[in-house]
Amino acid sequence: MKTLILYTSKCGSAKRYSEDIAKAVGAEVFPLKKFNLKRAKNYDTIVFGGWVKGGTIEGLNKFLTEYEAIKTKNVIVFSTGMSVPSSEGRSLLIEQNLLDLYHIRFYQLRGSFDMAKLDFFSKLLIQNSLKMIANDPSSTEEQKALAGIKEKPIDYYDQEKVDRIVSVILTLQQAAN
């Protein structure tokens, strides 16, 4: 059984998760932009991981352009982002990314964040958002604590979710044999 893992990554979390999952299950792993999606149909299990920007899983729409060719395959999608995974957040990501229209297993993983890895425009947006939070009297202490991300990167790795995804892929591989 051939397994493929594709990803888009901004701060490195989706790449790290993808590479670790690939190593654990013996899969091929590629950045989405360096893979011809027409070849995805040659795999039995296809995993896509992308980072979340404004509720959208980056690269997901491009990945799903070939859904018709892979809809009979085992398809897994995971997202990475700064927010702590929750059932509400997961439901919102499913809704905003129209994942309920597809037969896909979906996992929400917490990712890392490093301002130094962002482009100028993204930095500007984040800095403006942080200023608005700091100046808003109704902001919670948790929201105000986000100001620290400018100087101190967040480094988070969700081993439990990685283990869960690996377990699912290994179960699918065993079932195919």
Foldseek 3Di string as FASTA:
>chain_A
DAEEEEEDDQPCFQVVLRVVLCVLQVYHYDYPVPDDLVCVLVGQEYEYEAEDDPLEGPPVVVNCVCCVSCQNHAYEYEYEYQDDDDPVSQVSSCVVHVVVVGPYHYYYYYAKFALVRDDPVVNVVVVVVLVVLVPDPVRDPVSVVCVCCPPDIGGDDDVVVSVVVSVVSVVVVVVVD
